[in-house]
Amino acid sequence: MADAFTLRSFFAGRSVSVGEVRTLGLFSEQFTARFEGRSSGAVIDLDERFRFEDGERLQRWHLEERGGRVSGTVRTEDGDGRLQGPFPVSGTSGPQGAVLTYRGIAPGGGRFALDFRHEMSPRAGGTVANRVRVSRFGLPLARARVTFSKSTEALEPHVSDP
């Protein structure tokens, strides 16, 4: 999988994830997500449907990969159920993984913009590890550990180790 990794190839079609977000190092919350990706040429449109304890949230990505660079937008459902954005996304992508950064809101969040940094790395067995750092004014606020997969069965070993 590592030799063939691109955001477009991995997220085209259906995917799933399991993860945990830790806020201020004090609070943690587990979540799952389902993805539906449509890839065309260098572009992927991806709907990410989170399921948190208090409800579901949508994040809608539109990304283009060209020559190792990623650009695009993300729209995120706020606490009132409205899609906010689009927020500009930039980053890099290659066989070793991808890094995406943007300033936007957290799924289910409010009006305050936060800085997000996603670091994705392909793993053996066809999964992808995603480490997310969330900050504001350079101060770390939260971290998330997420495992992406093409099947729910492949996530089972990662449920307690997102």
N, C-alpha and C. Protein backbone atom coordinates (compact mmCIF):
# COMPACT_ATOMS: atom_id res chain seq x y z
N MET A 1 0.82 -1.21 0.00
CA MET A 1 0.00 0.00 0.00
C MET A 1 0.86 1.25 0.00
N ALA A 2 1.99 1.25 0.73
CA ALA A 2 2.80 2.45 0.85
C ALA A 2 3.30 2.95 -0.50
N ASP A 3 3.64 2.02 -1.43
CA ASP A 3 4.16 2.44 -2.73
C ASP A 3 3.09 3.11 -3.58
N ALA A 4 1.82 2.78 -3.34
CA ALA A 4 0.75 3.30 -4.18
C ALA A 4 -0.07 4.38 -3.49
N PHE A 5 0.34 4.85 -2.30
CA PHE A 5 -0.51 5.76 -1.55
C PHE A 5 -0.65 7.12 -2.22
N THR A 6 -1.90 7.51 -2.43
CA THR A 6 -2.28 8.89 -2.73
C THR A 6 -3.62 9.08 -2.01
N LEU A 7 -3.95 10.31 -1.71
CA LEU A 7 -5.25 10.58 -1.11
C LEU A 7 -6.36 10.09 -2.03
N ARG A 8 -6.19 10.33 -3.34
CA ARG A 8 -7.22 9.93 -4.31
C ARG A 8 -7.40 8.42 -4.34
N SER A 9 -6.30 7.67 -4.39
CA SER A 9 -6.44 6.21 -4.49
C SER A 9 -6.97 5.61 -3.19
N PHE A 10 -6.54 6.11 -2.06
CA PHE A 10 -6.99 5.52 -0.80
C PHE A 10 -8.46 5.86 -0.52
N PHE A 11 -8.86 7.11 -0.70
CA PHE A 11 -10.20 7.53 -0.29
C PHE A 11 -11.27 7.40 -1.37
N ALA A 12 -10.91 6.99 -2.58
CA ALA A 12 -11.94 6.75 -3.60
C ALA A 12 -12.82 5.60 -3.13
N GLY A 13 -14.12 5.76 -3.31
CA GLY A 13 -15.04 4.73 -2.85
C GLY A 13 -15.36 4.90 -1.38
N ARG A 14 -15.57 3.78 -0.71
CA ARG A 14 -15.94 3.83 0.71
C ARG A 14 -14.75 3.51 1.60
N SER A 15 -14.69 4.22 2.71
CA SER A 15 -13.66 4.00 3.73
C SER A 15 -14.31 4.21 5.09
N VAL A 16 -13.61 3.78 6.16
CA VAL A 16 -14.09 3.95 7.52
C VAL A 16 -12.91 4.36 8.40
N SER A 17 -13.24 4.87 9.59
CA SER A 17 -12.17 5.21 10.53
C SER A 17 -12.66 5.06 11.97
N VAL A 18 -11.70 4.96 12.86
CA VAL A 18 -11.93 4.98 14.30
C VAL A 18 -10.87 5.90 14.88
N GLY A 19 -11.23 6.68 15.90
CA GLY A 19 -10.25 7.59 16.46
C GLY A 19 -10.62 8.07 17.84
N GLU A 20 -9.70 8.84 18.38
CA GLU A 20 -9.90 9.45 19.69
C GLU A 20 -9.29 10.84 19.67
N VAL A 21 -10.03 11.80 20.19
CA VAL A 21 -9.52 13.16 20.30
C VAL A 21 -9.32 13.45 21.79
N ARG A 22 -8.16 14.04 22.11
CA ARG A 22 -7.85 14.45 23.47
C ARG A 22 -7.74 15.97 23.49
N THR A 23 -8.57 16.60 24.30
CA THR A 23 -8.61 18.05 24.38
C THR A 23 -7.89 18.51 25.64
N LEU A 24 -6.91 19.40 25.46
CA LEU A 24 -6.12 19.96 26.55
C LEU A 24 -5.48 18.88 27.41
N GLY A 25 -5.30 17.69 26.86
CA GLY A 25 -4.70 16.60 27.60
C GLY A 25 -5.55 16.08 28.74
N LEU A 26 -6.76 16.59 28.89
CA LEU A 26 -7.62 16.22 30.02
C LEU A 26 -8.84 15.40 29.63
N PHE A 27 -9.44 15.73 28.50
CA PHE A 27 -10.69 15.11 28.09
C PHE A 27 -10.45 14.28 26.84
N SER A 28 -11.06 13.11 26.78
CA SER A 28 -10.94 12.31 25.57
C SER A 28 -12.32 11.85 25.11
N GLU A 29 -12.44 11.71 23.80
CA GLU A 29 -13.70 11.26 23.20
C GLU A 29 -13.37 10.39 22.01
N GLN A 30 -13.99 9.22 21.96
CA GLN A 30 -13.80 8.35 20.81
C GLN A 30 -14.85 8.65 19.76
N PHE A 31 -14.51 8.35 18.52
CA PHE A 31 -15.44 8.57 17.41
C PHE A 31 -15.16 7.58 16.30
N THR A 32 -16.11 7.47 15.40
CA THR A 32 -15.94 6.70 14.18
C THR A 32 -16.34 7.61 13.02
N ALA A 33 -16.00 7.20 11.81
CA ALA A 33 -16.43 7.96 10.63
C ALA A 33 -16.57 7.01 9.44
N ARG A 34 -17.43 7.41 8.53
CA ARG A 34 -17.59 6.73 7.25
C ARG A 34 -17.32 7.76 6.16
N PHE A 35 -16.67 7.31 5.10
CA PHE A 35 -16.27 8.19 4.01
C PHE A 35 -16.88 7.69 2.71
N GLU A 36 -17.19 8.64 1.86
CA GLU A 36 -17.59 8.33 0.48
C GLU A 36 -16.79 9.27 -0.41
N GLY A 37 -15.87 8.70 -1.21
CA GLY A 37 -15.00 9.51 -2.06
C GLY A 37 -15.26 9.30 -3.53
N ARG A 38 -15.25 10.41 -4.28
CA ARG A 38 -15.40 10.39 -5.73
C ARG A 38 -14.16 11.02 -6.34
N SER A 39 -13.42 10.20 -7.07
CA SER A 39 -12.16 10.66 -7.65
C SER A 39 -12.31 10.83 -9.15
N SER A 40 -11.76 11.95 -9.66
CA SER A 40 -11.76 12.20 -11.09
C SER A 40 -10.47 12.94 -11.44
N GLY A 41 -9.61 12.26 -12.18
CA GLY A 41 -8.32 12.87 -12.51
C GLY A 41 -7.52 13.15 -11.25
N ALA A 42 -7.08 14.39 -11.06
CA ALA A 42 -6.26 14.78 -9.91
C ALA A 42 -7.11 15.19 -8.70
N VAL A 43 -8.45 15.11 -8.84
CA VAL A 43 -9.35 15.64 -7.81
C VAL A 43 -10.06 14.52 -7.06
N ILE A 44 -10.23 14.72 -5.76
CA ILE A 44 -11.11 13.85 -4.97
C ILE A 44 -12.08 14.71 -4.18
N ASP A 45 -13.35 14.34 -4.25
CA ASP A 45 -14.39 14.94 -3.42
C ASP A 45 -14.77 13.88 -2.40
N LEU A 46 -14.70 14.26 -1.13
CA LEU A 46 -14.82 13.28 -0.05
C LEU A 46 -15.78 13.78 1.01
N ASP A 47 -16.81 12.98 1.29
CA ASP A 47 -17.71 13.26 2.40
C ASP A 47 -17.30 12.39 3.58
N GLU A 48 -16.98 13.03 4.69
CA GLU A 48 -16.57 12.34 5.91
C GLU A 48 -17.68 12.54 6.94
N ARG A 49 -18.34 11.45 7.32
CA ARG A 49 -19.46 11.51 8.26
C ARG A 49 -19.02 10.95 9.60
N PHE A 50 -18.73 11.87 10.53
CA PHE A 50 -18.31 11.50 11.88
C PHE A 50 -19.49 11.04 12.71
N ARG A 51 -19.24 10.14 13.63
CA ARG A 51 -20.22 9.77 14.65
C ARG A 51 -19.54 9.91 16.01
N PHE A 52 -19.97 10.96 16.74
CA PHE A 52 -19.51 11.20 18.10
C PHE A 52 -20.60 10.74 19.06
N GLU A 53 -20.28 10.68 20.33
CA GLU A 53 -21.25 10.27 21.34
C GLU A 53 -22.50 11.16 21.30
N ASP A 54 -22.31 12.45 21.01
CA ASP A 54 -23.45 13.38 21.03
C ASP A 54 -24.09 13.61 19.66
N GLY A 55 -23.69 12.85 18.65
CA GLY A 55 -24.33 13.00 17.35
C GLY A 55 -23.38 12.88 16.18
N GLU A 56 -23.94 13.06 15.00
CA GLU A 56 -23.18 12.95 13.76
C GLU A 56 -22.81 14.33 13.22
N ARG A 57 -21.68 14.39 12.51
CA ARG A 57 -21.20 15.62 11.90
C ARG A 57 -20.67 15.29 10.50
N LEU A 58 -20.75 16.25 9.60
CA LEU A 58 -20.26 16.07 8.23
C LEU A 58 -19.08 17.00 7.99
N GLN A 59 -18.06 16.46 7.32
CA GLN A 59 -16.98 17.27 6.79
C GLN A 59 -16.87 16.93 5.30
N ARG A 60 -16.86 17.94 4.46
CA ARG A 60 -16.85 17.75 3.01
C ARG A 60 -15.55 18.32 2.46
N TRP A 61 -14.73 17.45 1.89
CA TRP A 61 -13.41 17.82 1.35
C TRP A 61 -13.46 17.87 -0.17
N HIS A 62 -12.74 18.83 -0.75
CA HIS A 62 -12.51 18.92 -2.20
C HIS A 62 -11.01 19.16 -2.34
N LEU A 63 -10.28 18.13 -2.78
CA LEU A 63 -8.82 18.20 -2.82
C LEU A 63 -8.28 17.85 -4.20
N GLU A 64 -7.18 18.52 -4.56
CA GLU A 64 -6.50 18.24 -5.82
C GLU A 64 -5.03 17.96 -5.51
N GLU A 65 -4.53 16.82 -6.04
CA GLU A 65 -3.12 16.44 -5.87
C GLU A 65 -2.40 16.61 -7.20
N ARG A 66 -1.34 17.41 -7.19
CA ARG A 66 -0.53 17.59 -8.40
C ARG A 66 0.92 17.75 -8.01
N GLY A 67 1.76 16.87 -8.54
CA GLY A 67 3.20 16.98 -8.32
C GLY A 67 3.60 17.00 -6.85
N GLY A 68 2.94 16.23 -6.03
CA GLY A 68 3.27 16.17 -4.62
C GLY A 68 2.65 17.26 -3.77
N ARG A 69 1.94 18.18 -4.39
CA ARG A 69 1.26 19.26 -3.66
C ARG A 69 -0.24 18.98 -3.60
N VAL A 70 -0.86 19.40 -2.50
CA VAL A 70 -2.30 19.26 -2.33
C VAL A 70 -2.88 20.64 -2.08
N SER A 71 -3.99 20.93 -2.75
CA SER A 71 -4.73 22.17 -2.49
C SER A 71 -6.20 21.85 -2.57
N GLY A 72 -6.99 22.70 -1.96
CA GLY A 72 -8.42 22.48 -2.02
C GLY A 72 -9.14 23.19 -0.89
N THR A 73 -10.29 22.62 -0.51
CA THR A 73 -11.12 23.22 0.54
C THR A 73 -11.73 22.13 1.41
N VAL A 74 -12.17 22.55 2.60
CA VAL A 74 -12.96 21.69 3.47
C VAL A 74 -14.11 22.52 4.02
N ARG A 75 -15.28 21.91 4.10
CA ARG A 75 -16.46 22.53 4.73
C ARG A 75 -16.81 21.63 5.91
N THR A 76 -17.17 22.24 7.03
CA THR A 76 -17.39 21.49 8.27
C THR A 76 -18.72 21.86 8.89
N GLU A 77 -19.46 20.85 9.30
CA GLU A 77 -20.75 21.06 9.95
C GLU A 77 -20.53 21.58 11.37
N ASP A 78 -21.17 22.70 11.69
CA ASP A 78 -21.02 23.30 13.02
C ASP A 78 -22.00 22.68 14.01
N GLY A 79 -22.02 23.21 15.23
CA GLY A 79 -22.89 22.70 16.28
C GLY A 79 -24.37 22.86 15.99
N ASP A 80 -24.72 23.73 15.04
CA ASP A 80 -26.12 23.93 14.66
C ASP A 80 -26.50 23.12 13.41
N GLY A 81 -25.56 22.30 12.91
CA GLY A 81 -25.86 21.47 11.75
C GLY A 81 -25.68 22.14 10.41
N ARG A 82 -25.04 23.33 10.38
CA ARG A 82 -24.81 24.05 9.12
C ARG A 82 -23.37 23.85 8.67
N LEU A 83 -23.19 23.64 7.36
CA LEU A 83 -21.83 23.55 6.80
C LEU A 83 -21.21 24.93 6.77
N GLN A 84 -20.04 25.06 7.38
CA GLN A 84 -19.29 26.32 7.39
C GLN A 84 -18.11 26.19 6.43
N GLY A 85 -17.63 27.31 5.95
CA GLY A 85 -16.53 27.32 4.99
C GLY A 85 -17.07 27.68 3.63
N PRO A 86 -16.31 27.41 2.60
CA PRO A 86 -15.15 26.54 2.56
C PRO A 86 -13.90 27.19 3.15
N PHE A 87 -13.09 26.35 3.79
CA PHE A 87 -11.81 26.76 4.35
C PHE A 87 -10.70 26.22 3.45
N PRO A 88 -9.72 27.06 3.06
CA PRO A 88 -8.63 26.60 2.19
C PRO A 88 -7.76 25.55 2.89
N VAL A 89 -7.39 24.51 2.13
CA VAL A 89 -6.53 23.43 2.59
C VAL A 89 -5.29 23.40 1.71
N SER A 90 -4.12 23.18 2.32
CA SER A 90 -2.90 23.00 1.54
C SER A 90 -2.08 21.89 2.17
N GLY A 91 -1.14 21.36 1.40
CA GLY A 91 -0.31 20.31 1.95
C GLY A 91 0.53 19.62 0.91
N THR A 92 1.00 18.43 1.30
CA THR A 92 1.84 17.61 0.44
C THR A 92 1.31 16.17 0.48
N SER A 93 1.64 15.43 -0.56
CA SER A 93 1.24 14.02 -0.63
C SER A 93 2.27 13.26 -1.44
N GLY A 94 2.57 12.05 -0.98
CA GLY A 94 3.50 11.19 -1.69
C GLY A 94 3.39 9.78 -1.17
N PRO A 95 4.26 8.88 -1.65
CA PRO A 95 4.17 7.46 -1.25
C PRO A 95 4.28 7.25 0.26
N GLN A 96 4.96 8.14 0.96
CA GLN A 96 5.13 7.98 2.41
C GLN A 96 3.96 8.55 3.21
N GLY A 97 3.02 9.23 2.56
CA GLY A 97 1.87 9.76 3.26
C GLY A 97 1.52 11.16 2.81
N ALA A 98 0.74 11.83 3.65
CA ALA A 98 0.27 13.17 3.31
C ALA A 98 0.23 14.04 4.56
N VAL A 99 0.40 15.35 4.34
CA VAL A 99 0.25 16.33 5.41
C VAL A 99 -0.70 17.40 4.87
N LEU A 100 -1.77 17.66 5.62
CA LEU A 100 -2.75 18.67 5.24
C LEU A 100 -2.88 19.68 6.37
N THR A 101 -2.93 20.97 6.03
CA THR A 101 -3.13 22.01 7.03
C THR A 101 -4.24 22.95 6.58
N TYR A 102 -4.98 23.46 7.56
CA TYR A 102 -6.01 24.45 7.27
C TYR A 102 -6.44 25.13 8.56
N ARG A 103 -7.06 26.26 8.40
CA ARG A 103 -7.69 26.98 9.52
C ARG A 103 -9.19 26.90 9.29
N GLY A 104 -9.91 26.30 10.25
CA GLY A 104 -11.35 26.12 10.13
C GLY A 104 -11.95 25.80 11.49
N ILE A 105 -13.14 25.22 11.47
CA ILE A 105 -13.77 24.85 12.73
C ILE A 105 -13.74 23.33 12.89
N ALA A 106 -13.84 22.90 14.14
CA ALA A 106 -13.91 21.47 14.43
C ALA A 106 -15.32 20.97 14.12
N PRO A 107 -15.47 19.69 13.75
CA PRO A 107 -16.81 19.15 13.55
C PRO A 107 -17.67 19.38 14.80
N GLY A 108 -18.81 20.01 14.60
CA GLY A 108 -19.69 20.33 15.71
C GLY A 108 -19.27 21.57 16.48
N GLY A 109 -18.26 22.25 15.98
CA GLY A 109 -17.70 23.41 16.68
C GLY A 109 -18.50 24.68 16.47
N GLY A 110 -17.93 25.72 17.01
CA GLY A 110 -18.56 27.03 16.95
C GLY A 110 -17.90 27.93 15.94
N ARG A 111 -17.90 29.21 16.24
CA ARG A 111 -17.44 30.20 15.26
C ARG A 111 -15.95 30.47 15.31
N PHE A 112 -15.23 29.95 16.31
CA PHE A 112 -13.80 30.23 16.42
C PHE A 112 -12.98 29.32 15.51
N ALA A 113 -12.15 29.94 14.69
CA ALA A 113 -11.28 29.19 13.78
C ALA A 113 -10.11 28.60 14.55
N LEU A 114 -9.81 27.36 14.23
CA LEU A 114 -8.69 26.64 14.82
C LEU A 114 -7.74 26.23 13.71
N ASP A 115 -6.48 25.98 14.05
CA ASP A 115 -5.50 25.52 13.08
C ASP A 115 -5.36 24.01 13.19
N PHE A 116 -5.52 23.31 12.05
CA PHE A 116 -5.46 21.85 12.00
C PHE A 116 -4.26 21.41 11.18
N ARG A 117 -3.59 20.36 11.64
CA ARG A 117 -2.49 19.74 10.89
C ARG A 117 -2.71 18.23 10.94
N HIS A 118 -2.99 17.63 9.78
CA HIS A 118 -3.19 16.18 9.65
C HIS A 118 -1.91 15.58 9.08
N GLU A 119 -1.37 14.57 9.74
CA GLU A 119 -0.20 13.84 9.23
C GLU A 119 -0.60 12.39 9.04
N MET A 120 -0.73 11.97 7.77
CA MET A 120 -1.19 10.63 7.43
C MET A 120 -0.04 9.76 6.94
N SER A 121 0.01 8.52 7.46
CA SER A 121 1.06 7.57 7.09
C SER A 121 0.45 6.21 6.80
N PRO A 122 0.72 5.65 5.60
CA PRO A 122 0.22 4.30 5.31
C PRO A 122 0.87 3.29 6.25
N ARG A 123 0.10 2.28 6.65
CA ARG A 123 0.59 1.20 7.51
C ARG A 123 0.46 -0.13 6.77
N ALA A 124 1.16 -1.11 7.29
CA ALA A 124 1.01 -2.47 6.78
C ALA A 124 -0.44 -2.89 7.00
N GLY A 125 -0.93 -3.75 6.15
CA GLY A 125 -2.31 -4.21 6.28
C GLY A 125 -3.33 -3.30 5.63
N GLY A 126 -2.88 -2.26 4.95
CA GLY A 126 -3.80 -1.41 4.20
C GLY A 126 -4.49 -0.31 4.99
N THR A 127 -4.06 -0.06 6.22
CA THR A 127 -4.64 1.04 6.98
C THR A 127 -3.75 2.28 6.87
N VAL A 128 -4.29 3.41 7.28
CA VAL A 128 -3.54 4.67 7.28
C VAL A 128 -3.69 5.31 8.66
N ALA A 129 -2.56 5.66 9.28
CA ALA A 129 -2.58 6.37 10.56
C ALA A 129 -2.67 7.86 10.29
N ASN A 130 -3.51 8.55 11.04
CA ASN A 130 -3.64 10.00 10.92
C ASN A 130 -3.45 10.60 12.31
N ARG A 131 -2.48 11.46 12.44
CA ARG A 131 -2.24 12.20 13.68
C ARG A 131 -2.62 13.64 13.41
N VAL A 132 -3.54 14.18 14.22
CA VAL A 132 -4.06 15.52 14.01
C VAL A 132 -3.69 16.39 15.20
N ARG A 133 -3.14 17.56 14.90
CA ARG A 133 -2.84 18.55 15.93
C ARG A 133 -3.78 19.74 15.71
N VAL A 134 -4.44 20.17 16.79
CA VAL A 134 -5.35 21.31 16.74
C VAL A 134 -4.80 22.39 17.66
N SER A 135 -4.66 23.61 17.13
CA SER A 135 -4.09 24.69 17.93
C SER A 135 -4.81 26.00 17.62
N ARG A 136 -4.54 26.98 18.45
CA ARG A 136 -5.05 28.35 18.23
C ARG A 136 -3.97 29.29 18.73
N PHE A 137 -3.60 30.27 17.92
CA PHE A 137 -2.53 31.21 18.24
C PHE A 137 -1.24 30.48 18.60
N GLY A 138 -1.02 29.31 17.96
CA GLY A 138 0.19 28.52 18.21
C GLY A 138 0.14 27.68 19.47
N LEU A 139 -0.92 27.76 20.24
CA LEU A 139 -1.04 26.98 21.48
C LEU A 139 -1.79 25.68 21.21
N PRO A 140 -1.21 24.53 21.59
CA PRO A 140 -1.89 23.26 21.35
C PRO A 140 -3.16 23.13 22.19
N LEU A 141 -4.26 22.76 21.55
CA LEU A 141 -5.53 22.59 22.24
C LEU A 141 -5.99 21.14 22.28
N ALA A 142 -5.71 20.41 21.19
CA ALA A 142 -6.17 19.02 21.11
C ALA A 142 -5.29 18.23 20.16
N ARG A 143 -5.35 16.92 20.35
CA ARG A 143 -4.68 15.98 19.45
C ARG A 143 -5.66 14.85 19.17
N ALA A 144 -5.60 14.35 17.96
CA ALA A 144 -6.43 13.19 17.62
C ALA A 144 -5.54 12.13 17.00
N ARG A 145 -5.87 10.89 17.31
CA ARG A 145 -5.22 9.73 16.69
C ARG A 145 -6.32 8.95 15.99
N VAL A 146 -6.13 8.74 14.70
CA VAL A 146 -7.17 8.13 13.87
C VAL A 146 -6.55 7.04 13.01
N THR A 147 -7.31 5.98 12.78
CA THR A 147 -6.91 4.95 11.82
C THR A 147 -7.98 4.87 10.74
N PHE A 148 -7.55 5.00 9.48
CA PHE A 148 -8.42 4.89 8.31
C PHE A 148 -8.27 3.49 7.73
N SER A 149 -9.34 2.97 7.15
CA SER A 149 -9.30 1.66 6.51
C SER A 149 -10.36 1.59 5.42
N LYS A 150 -10.22 0.62 4.54
CA LYS A 150 -11.23 0.37 3.53
C LYS A 150 -12.32 -0.56 4.06
N SER A 151 -12.10 -1.22 5.21
CA SER A 151 -13.11 -2.13 5.75
C SER A 151 -13.17 -2.02 7.27
N THR A 152 -14.34 -2.26 7.81
CA THR A 152 -14.54 -2.26 9.25
C THR A 152 -13.71 -3.36 9.91
N GLU A 153 -13.61 -4.51 9.27
CA GLU A 153 -12.86 -5.63 9.82
C GLU A 153 -11.39 -5.27 10.04
N ALA A 154 -10.81 -4.53 9.12
CA ALA A 154 -9.40 -4.14 9.26
C ALA A 154 -9.18 -3.15 10.40
N LEU A 155 -10.26 -2.48 10.83
CA LEU A 155 -10.14 -1.53 11.96
C LEU A 155 -10.12 -2.22 13.31
N GLU A 156 -10.67 -3.43 13.41
CA GLU A 156 -10.81 -4.11 14.70
C GLU A 156 -9.55 -4.07 15.55
N PRO A 157 -8.36 -4.38 15.01
CA PRO A 157 -7.16 -4.33 15.85
C PRO A 157 -6.81 -2.92 16.35
N HIS A 158 -7.39 -1.89 15.74
CA HIS A 158 -7.05 -0.51 16.07
C HIS A 158 -8.08 0.19 16.96
N VAL A 159 -9.17 -0.49 17.27
CA VAL A 159 -10.25 0.15 18.03
C VAL A 159 -9.74 0.64 19.38
N SER A 160 -8.89 -0.12 20.05
CA SER A 160 -8.37 0.34 21.34
C SER A 160 -7.06 1.10 21.18
N ASP A 161 -6.56 1.23 19.95
CA ASP A 161 -5.29 1.93 19.68
C ASP A 161 -5.46 2.87 18.49
N PRO A 162 -6.39 3.85 18.57
CA PRO A 162 -6.63 4.71 17.41
C PRO A 162 -5.45 5.60 17.09
